[in-house]
Amino acid sequence: MDPHLLRTFVAVAECGSFSAAADRLGYTQSAVSQHIAALEHDLGTPLLRRRPVVPTPAGERLLEHAAPILLRLDAARADVRRTIADPAGTLTIAASPLAAADGRLAIALREVRRSRPGTEVTLTVCGRDAVARGVAAGDFALGLVDGVAAPSDPLRLSDAGSLRTTAVAHQQLVVALAADHPLARRRGISLHDLTNARWIDAPDLAAPVTTLRSAAGSDGFRPALTYAGTDLQTLQTLLAEGHGLAVLPESATTEGLAAVPLTTPRLVHRIELLHGHLAEPAATSLAAVLAGQPA
């Protein structure tokens, strides 16, 4: 299956318009139509209804496969480029908000600056999935992501190709809530007792509500408020004002919040390093420091 045709199909499906997809891709509308026709001919079935432009059942099925396929292709292309890239004095890193705030990254960067002076560093803080996709696609040399997992399990990341992962840190999880909340003085609490609590769903900061449901084996855990941002202080303010609860690493709580240890199920907050083939000396040094090895 031609990846160019597949990318065009995804663009049309997402835009709901052949002309809008053409603008996004930099093609003519005629070229977009030809791509869709060629893909439909290849698969032997219509993939899009034209008025309105929406996927057919076959198109919906193809969309389920399209994103992982295209990401794997981007990852393969990026990994090949890494093997032939000339070493340069630059270093591009992405980190999820809590991974960036942990402190280990700043310490590791200081060590790299000492051992490789003159290295130009670019740090991007973004959502967890964006970190994995960016490293897989070659936009970043290294990524740091955080998340919730059982003590002996790795993080479950979106399909990001054949990235290497290394555990960097883990710490206890707590239920963060307003200091005057009725549960604030508890010495520990089970997630199963909080199924019907008011939750703040902040998927790029706290444990996502979907993760809580899976961990507790419950279809409860409905968000009272959804925060789609990445600013930890904003989330802390929302918690302190009583808008809901969130599961966070202990270090992410602050004065004015209660932090009740999460006792069951047994879960920890993990930070992991992601990378493909490392060609740049600065990236190799940083990865070694974060993994606990000498630069």
Protein backbone atom coordinates (compact mmCIF):
# COMPACT_ATOMS: atom_id res chain seq x y z
CA MET A 1 0.00 0.00 0.00
CA ASP A 2 1.46 3.34 -1.09
CA PRO A 3 2.05 5.49 2.03
CA HIS A 4 1.46 8.68 0.02
CA LEU A 5 -2.02 7.49 -0.88
CA LEU A 6 -2.64 6.47 2.72
CA ARG A 7 -1.58 9.89 4.03
CA THR A 8 -3.93 11.55 1.57
CA PHE A 9 -6.81 9.33 2.70
CA VAL A 10 -6.16 10.18 6.36
CA ALA A 11 -6.03 13.91 5.56
CA VAL A 12 -9.35 13.80 3.68
CA ALA A 13 -11.01 11.80 6.45
CA GLU A 14 -9.76 14.20 9.13
CA CYS A 15 -10.60 17.36 7.18
CA GLY A 16 -13.94 16.13 5.85
CA SER A 17 -13.11 17.85 2.58
CA PHE A 18 -11.00 17.15 -0.50
CA SER A 19 -10.11 20.84 -0.89
CA ALA A 20 -9.11 21.25 2.77
CA ALA A 21 -6.97 18.12 2.56
CA ALA A 22 -5.32 19.50 -0.58
CA ASP A 23 -4.46 22.72 1.29
CA ARG A 24 -3.02 20.76 4.22
CA LEU A 25 -0.88 18.52 2.00
CA GLY A 26 0.13 21.13 -0.55
CA TYR A 27 -1.48 19.19 -3.41
CA THR A 28 -4.06 20.19 -5.99
CA GLN A 29 -7.61 18.99 -5.37
CA SER A 30 -7.34 16.92 -8.54
CA ALA A 31 -4.26 15.13 -7.18
CA VAL A 32 -6.09 14.36 -3.93
CA SER A 33 -9.02 12.90 -5.88
CA GLN A 34 -6.63 10.78 -7.95
CA HIS A 35 -4.92 9.47 -4.79
CA ILE A 36 -8.23 8.45 -3.24
CA ALA A 37 -9.38 6.81 -6.46
CA ALA A 38 -6.11 4.87 -6.74
CA LEU A 39 -6.35 3.67 -3.14
CA GLU A 40 -9.97 2.60 -3.57
CA HIS A 41 -9.02 0.75 -6.75
CA ASP A 42 -6.15 -0.98 -4.94
CA LEU A 43 -8.42 -2.14 -2.10
CA GLY A 44 -11.41 -2.85 -4.34
CA THR A 45 -13.94 -0.88 -2.29
CA PRO A 46 -15.11 2.70 -1.70
CA LEU A 47 -13.41 4.28 1.30
CA LEU A 48 -15.15 7.65 1.41
CA ARG A 49 -18.69 8.86 0.87
CA ARG A 50 -18.62 12.11 -1.06
CA ARG A 51 -21.59 14.13 0.25
CA PRO A 52 -20.80 14.62 3.03
CA VAL A 53 -17.20 13.42 2.92
CA VAL A 54 -17.09 10.71 5.59
CA PRO A 55 -15.45 7.28 5.72
CA THR A 56 -17.41 4.23 4.65
CA PRO A 57 -17.31 1.18 6.98
CA ALA A 58 -14.29 -0.04 5.03
CA GLY A 59 -12.73 3.41 5.37
CA GLU A 60 -13.30 3.39 9.13
CA ARG A 61 -11.49 0.07 9.35
CA LEU A 62 -8.57 1.43 7.31
CA LEU A 63 -8.34 4.48 9.57
CA GLU A 64 -7.81 2.19 12.56
CA HIS A 65 -4.68 0.83 10.88
CA ALA A 66 -3.49 4.01 9.15
CA ALA A 67 -2.00 5.92 12.09
CA PRO A 68 0.15 3.02 13.39
CA ILE A 69 1.28 2.17 9.84
CA LEU A 70 2.32 5.73 9.03
CA LEU A 71 4.00 6.17 12.41
CA ARG A 72 6.02 2.99 11.92
CA LEU A 73 7.11 4.21 8.48
CA ASP A 74 8.16 7.57 9.95
CA ALA A 75 9.99 5.75 12.75
CA ALA A 76 11.86 3.53 10.29
CA ARG A 77 12.84 6.53 8.18
CA ALA A 78 13.99 8.45 11.25
CA ASP A 79 16.03 5.54 12.60
CA VAL A 80 17.82 5.13 9.26
CA ARG A 81 18.58 8.85 9.20
CA ARG A 82 20.02 8.61 12.70
CA THR A 83 22.59 6.02 11.58
CA ILE A 84 23.95 8.24 8.81
CA ALA A 85 23.60 11.63 10.43
CA ASP A 86 26.77 13.61 10.95
CA PRO A 87 27.42 14.25 14.65
CA ALA A 88 26.54 17.84 15.49
CA GLY A 89 26.78 20.04 18.54
CA THR A 90 23.02 20.12 18.98
CA LEU A 91 20.67 18.14 21.16
CA THR A 92 16.87 18.03 20.84
CA ILE A 93 14.87 16.63 23.75
CA ALA A 94 11.18 16.26 24.49
CA ALA A 95 9.72 15.62 27.93
CA SER A 96 6.27 15.24 29.38
CA PRO A 97 5.55 17.92 32.03
CA LEU A 98 6.16 15.81 35.13
CA ALA A 99 9.24 14.17 33.61
CA ALA A 100 10.67 17.61 32.87
CA ALA A 101 9.87 18.81 36.40
CA ASP A 102 11.47 15.80 38.10
CA GLY A 103 14.92 17.42 38.32
CA ARG A 104 16.98 14.55 36.92
CA LEU A 105 16.88 16.00 33.42
CA ALA A 106 18.31 19.33 34.55
CA ILE A 107 21.10 17.56 36.46
CA ALA A 108 21.90 15.33 33.46
CA LEU A 109 22.00 18.33 31.13
CA ARG A 110 24.45 20.05 33.45
CA GLU A 111 26.73 17.02 33.22
CA VAL A 112 26.49 17.02 29.40
CA ARG A 113 27.34 20.74 29.27
CA ARG A 114 30.39 20.03 31.45
CA SER A 115 31.60 17.12 29.34
CA ARG A 116 30.63 18.60 25.96
CA PRO A 117 30.78 22.40 26.20
CA GLY A 118 29.17 24.35 23.39
CA THR A 119 26.32 21.87 22.87
CA GLU A 120 23.13 23.68 21.86
CA VAL A 121 20.13 22.14 23.62
CA THR A 122 16.47 22.48 22.64
CA LEU A 123 13.94 21.17 25.18
CA THR A 124 10.26 20.79 24.24
CA VAL A 125 7.67 20.04 26.92
CA CYS A 126 4.58 18.36 25.51
CA GLY A 127 2.07 15.59 26.13
CA ARG A 128 3.14 12.00 26.68
CA ASP A 129 1.93 10.71 23.31
CA ALA A 130 3.52 13.67 21.52
CA VAL A 131 6.88 12.83 23.11
CA ALA A 132 6.75 9.22 21.91
CA ARG A 133 5.57 10.17 18.41
CA GLY A 134 8.20 12.90 18.11
CA VAL A 135 11.08 10.61 19.09
CA ALA A 136 9.81 7.89 16.75
CA ALA A 137 9.53 10.34 13.86
CA GLY A 138 13.01 11.76 14.46
CA ASP A 139 11.89 15.20 15.62
CA PHE A 140 13.65 14.64 18.95
CA ALA A 141 16.80 12.66 19.71
CA LEU A 142 15.60 11.72 23.18
CA GLY A 143 12.34 11.73 25.10
CA LEU A 144 11.40 11.49 28.75
CA VAL A 145 7.90 10.32 29.55
CA ASP A 146 6.10 9.62 32.79
CA GLY A 147 3.09 7.54 33.68
CA VAL A 148 1.50 5.01 36.00
CA ALA A 149 2.33 1.31 36.01
CA ALA A 150 2.60 -1.71 38.28
CA PRO A 151 5.96 -1.72 40.13
CA SER A 152 7.58 -4.27 37.79
CA ASP A 153 5.90 -3.17 34.53
CA PRO A 154 7.07 -0.69 31.88
CA LEU A 155 4.84 2.16 30.80
CA ARG A 156 2.22 1.45 28.18
CA LEU A 157 3.03 3.93 25.42
CA SER A 158 1.27 4.58 22.16
CA ASP A 159 2.70 2.60 19.21
CA ALA A 160 5.88 4.52 18.48
CA GLY A 161 7.89 2.04 16.50
CA SER A 162 10.94 0.20 17.83
CA LEU A 163 12.07 2.74 20.41
CA ARG A 164 14.41 1.72 23.17
CA THR A 165 13.18 2.41 26.71
CA THR A 166 15.15 2.74 29.94
CA ALA A 167 13.70 3.20 33.42
CA VAL A 168 14.93 6.44 34.97
CA ALA A 169 12.96 6.81 38.21
CA HIS A 170 9.88 5.77 40.12
CA GLN A 171 8.09 7.05 43.20
CA GLN A 172 4.98 6.59 45.30
CA LEU A 173 1.59 7.71 44.05
CA VAL A 174 -0.84 9.75 46.14
CA VAL A 175 -4.41 10.91 45.80
CA ALA A 176 -4.14 14.70 45.70
CA LEU A 177 -7.11 16.64 47.04
CA ALA A 178 -8.06 19.86 48.80
CA ALA A 179 -6.76 20.23 52.34
CA ASP A 180 -10.32 20.51 53.72
CA HIS A 181 -11.61 17.45 51.85
CA PRO A 182 -13.25 14.82 54.14
CA LEU A 183 -10.62 12.26 53.09
CA ALA A 184 -7.64 14.56 53.61
CA ARG A 185 -6.61 13.06 56.98
CA ARG A 186 -6.60 9.45 55.82
CA ARG A 187 -3.28 7.61 56.16
CA GLY A 188 -3.92 5.64 53.01
CA ILE A 189 -6.71 4.97 50.57
CA SER A 190 -7.72 2.34 48.03
CA LEU A 191 -8.60 3.34 44.51
CA HIS A 192 -11.59 1.02 44.69
CA ASP A 193 -13.11 3.29 47.36
CA LEU A 194 -13.02 6.30 45.03
CA THR A 195 -14.99 4.97 42.07
CA ASN A 196 -17.72 7.59 42.45
CA ALA A 197 -15.54 10.49 43.60
CA ARG A 198 -15.26 13.76 41.71
CA TRP A 199 -12.17 13.51 39.51
CA ILE A 200 -10.14 16.01 37.55
CA ASP A 201 -9.01 14.33 34.34
CA ALA A 202 -5.66 15.86 33.38
CA PRO A 203 -4.30 13.20 31.01
CA ASP A 204 -0.91 14.85 30.40
CA LEU A 205 -0.24 15.42 34.10
CA ALA A 206 -2.15 13.13 36.46
CA ALA A 207 -3.06 9.49 35.95
CA PRO A 208 -5.73 9.62 33.21
CA VAL A 209 -9.25 8.58 34.18
CA THR A 210 -9.02 5.74 31.64
CA THR A 211 -5.96 4.41 33.48
CA LEU A 212 -7.80 4.56 36.81
CA ARG A 213 -10.71 2.59 35.37
CA SER A 214 -8.37 -0.08 34.04
CA ALA A 215 -6.39 -0.30 37.28
CA ALA A 216 -9.52 -0.65 39.41
CA GLY A 217 -11.40 -2.86 36.95
CA SER A 218 -14.34 -0.49 37.05
CA ASP A 219 -16.29 1.59 34.55
CA GLY A 220 -16.68 4.37 37.14
CA PHE A 221 -14.23 7.26 37.62
CA ARG A 222 -16.16 9.94 35.74
CA PRO A 223 -14.41 13.31 35.41
CA ALA A 224 -16.11 16.28 37.05
CA LEU A 225 -13.63 18.53 35.22
CA THR A 226 -11.21 17.91 32.35
CA TYR A 227 -7.97 19.88 32.16
CA ALA A 228 -6.30 19.52 28.76
CA GLY A 229 -3.26 21.65 29.60
CA THR A 230 0.25 20.83 30.77
CA ASP A 231 0.79 23.42 33.52
CA LEU A 232 1.18 21.67 36.89
CA GLN A 233 0.48 24.81 38.91
CA THR A 234 -2.93 25.18 37.23
CA LEU A 235 -3.83 21.61 38.13
CA GLN A 236 -2.67 22.12 41.70
CA THR A 237 -4.88 25.21 41.99
CA LEU A 238 -7.90 23.33 40.68
CA LEU A 239 -7.27 20.57 43.22
CA ALA A 240 -6.78 23.00 46.09
CA GLU A 241 -10.06 24.74 45.24
CA GLY A 242 -11.94 21.47 45.56
CA HIS A 243 -12.82 20.83 41.91
CA GLY A 244 -11.90 17.17 42.21
CA LEU A 245 -9.24 14.55 42.96
CA ALA A 246 -6.21 13.40 40.95
CA VAL A 247 -3.60 10.66 41.27
CA LEU A 248 -0.13 12.20 41.16
CA PRO A 249 3.42 11.36 42.21
CA GLU A 250 4.10 12.57 45.73
CA SER A 251 6.59 15.18 44.48
CA ALA A 252 3.90 16.88 42.35
CA THR A 253 1.84 17.98 45.35
CA THR A 254 2.33 21.32 47.04
CA GLU A 255 1.40 23.32 50.12
CA GLY A 256 -2.36 23.67 50.38
CA LEU A 257 -2.98 20.16 49.09
CA ALA A 258 -3.47 16.94 50.98
CA ALA A 259 -1.62 13.92 49.62
CA VAL A 260 -3.07 10.59 50.74
CA PRO A 261 -0.92 7.55 49.82
CA LEU A 262 -2.55 5.21 47.31
CA THR A 263 -2.45 1.76 48.94
CA THR A 264 -4.22 -0.48 46.41
CA PRO A 265 -3.83 -1.47 43.69
CA ARG A 266 -0.03 -1.42 43.81
CA LEU A 267 1.00 1.24 41.34
CA VAL A 268 3.98 3.56 40.98
CA HIS A 269 4.80 6.69 39.01
CA ARG A 270 7.53 5.89 36.47
CA ILE A 271 9.77 8.02 34.30
CA GLU A 272 11.30 6.37 31.23
CA LEU A 273 13.84 7.44 28.64
CA LEU A 274 12.93 6.87 24.96
CA HIS A 275 15.29 6.89 22.00
CA GLY A 276 16.10 5.21 18.73
CA HIS A 277 19.63 4.74 17.37
CA LEU A 278 21.84 7.43 18.92
CA ALA A 279 24.37 9.01 16.58
CA GLU A 280 24.96 12.38 18.25
CA PRO A 281 27.62 12.29 21.01
CA ALA A 282 25.63 14.71 23.19
CA ALA A 283 22.51 12.55 22.98
CA THR A 284 24.54 9.44 23.81
CA SER A 285 26.06 11.19 26.83
CA LEU A 286 22.71 12.43 28.10
CA ALA A 287 21.14 9.00 27.73
CA ALA A 288 24.03 7.46 29.69
CA VAL A 289 23.69 9.96 32.54
CA LEU A 290 19.93 9.50 32.77
CA ALA A 291 20.43 5.74 32.84
CA GLY A 292 22.84 6.12 35.76
CA GLN A 293 26.06 5.60 33.81
CA PRO A 294 29.06 7.93 33.42
CA ALA A 295 28.77 10.42 30.55
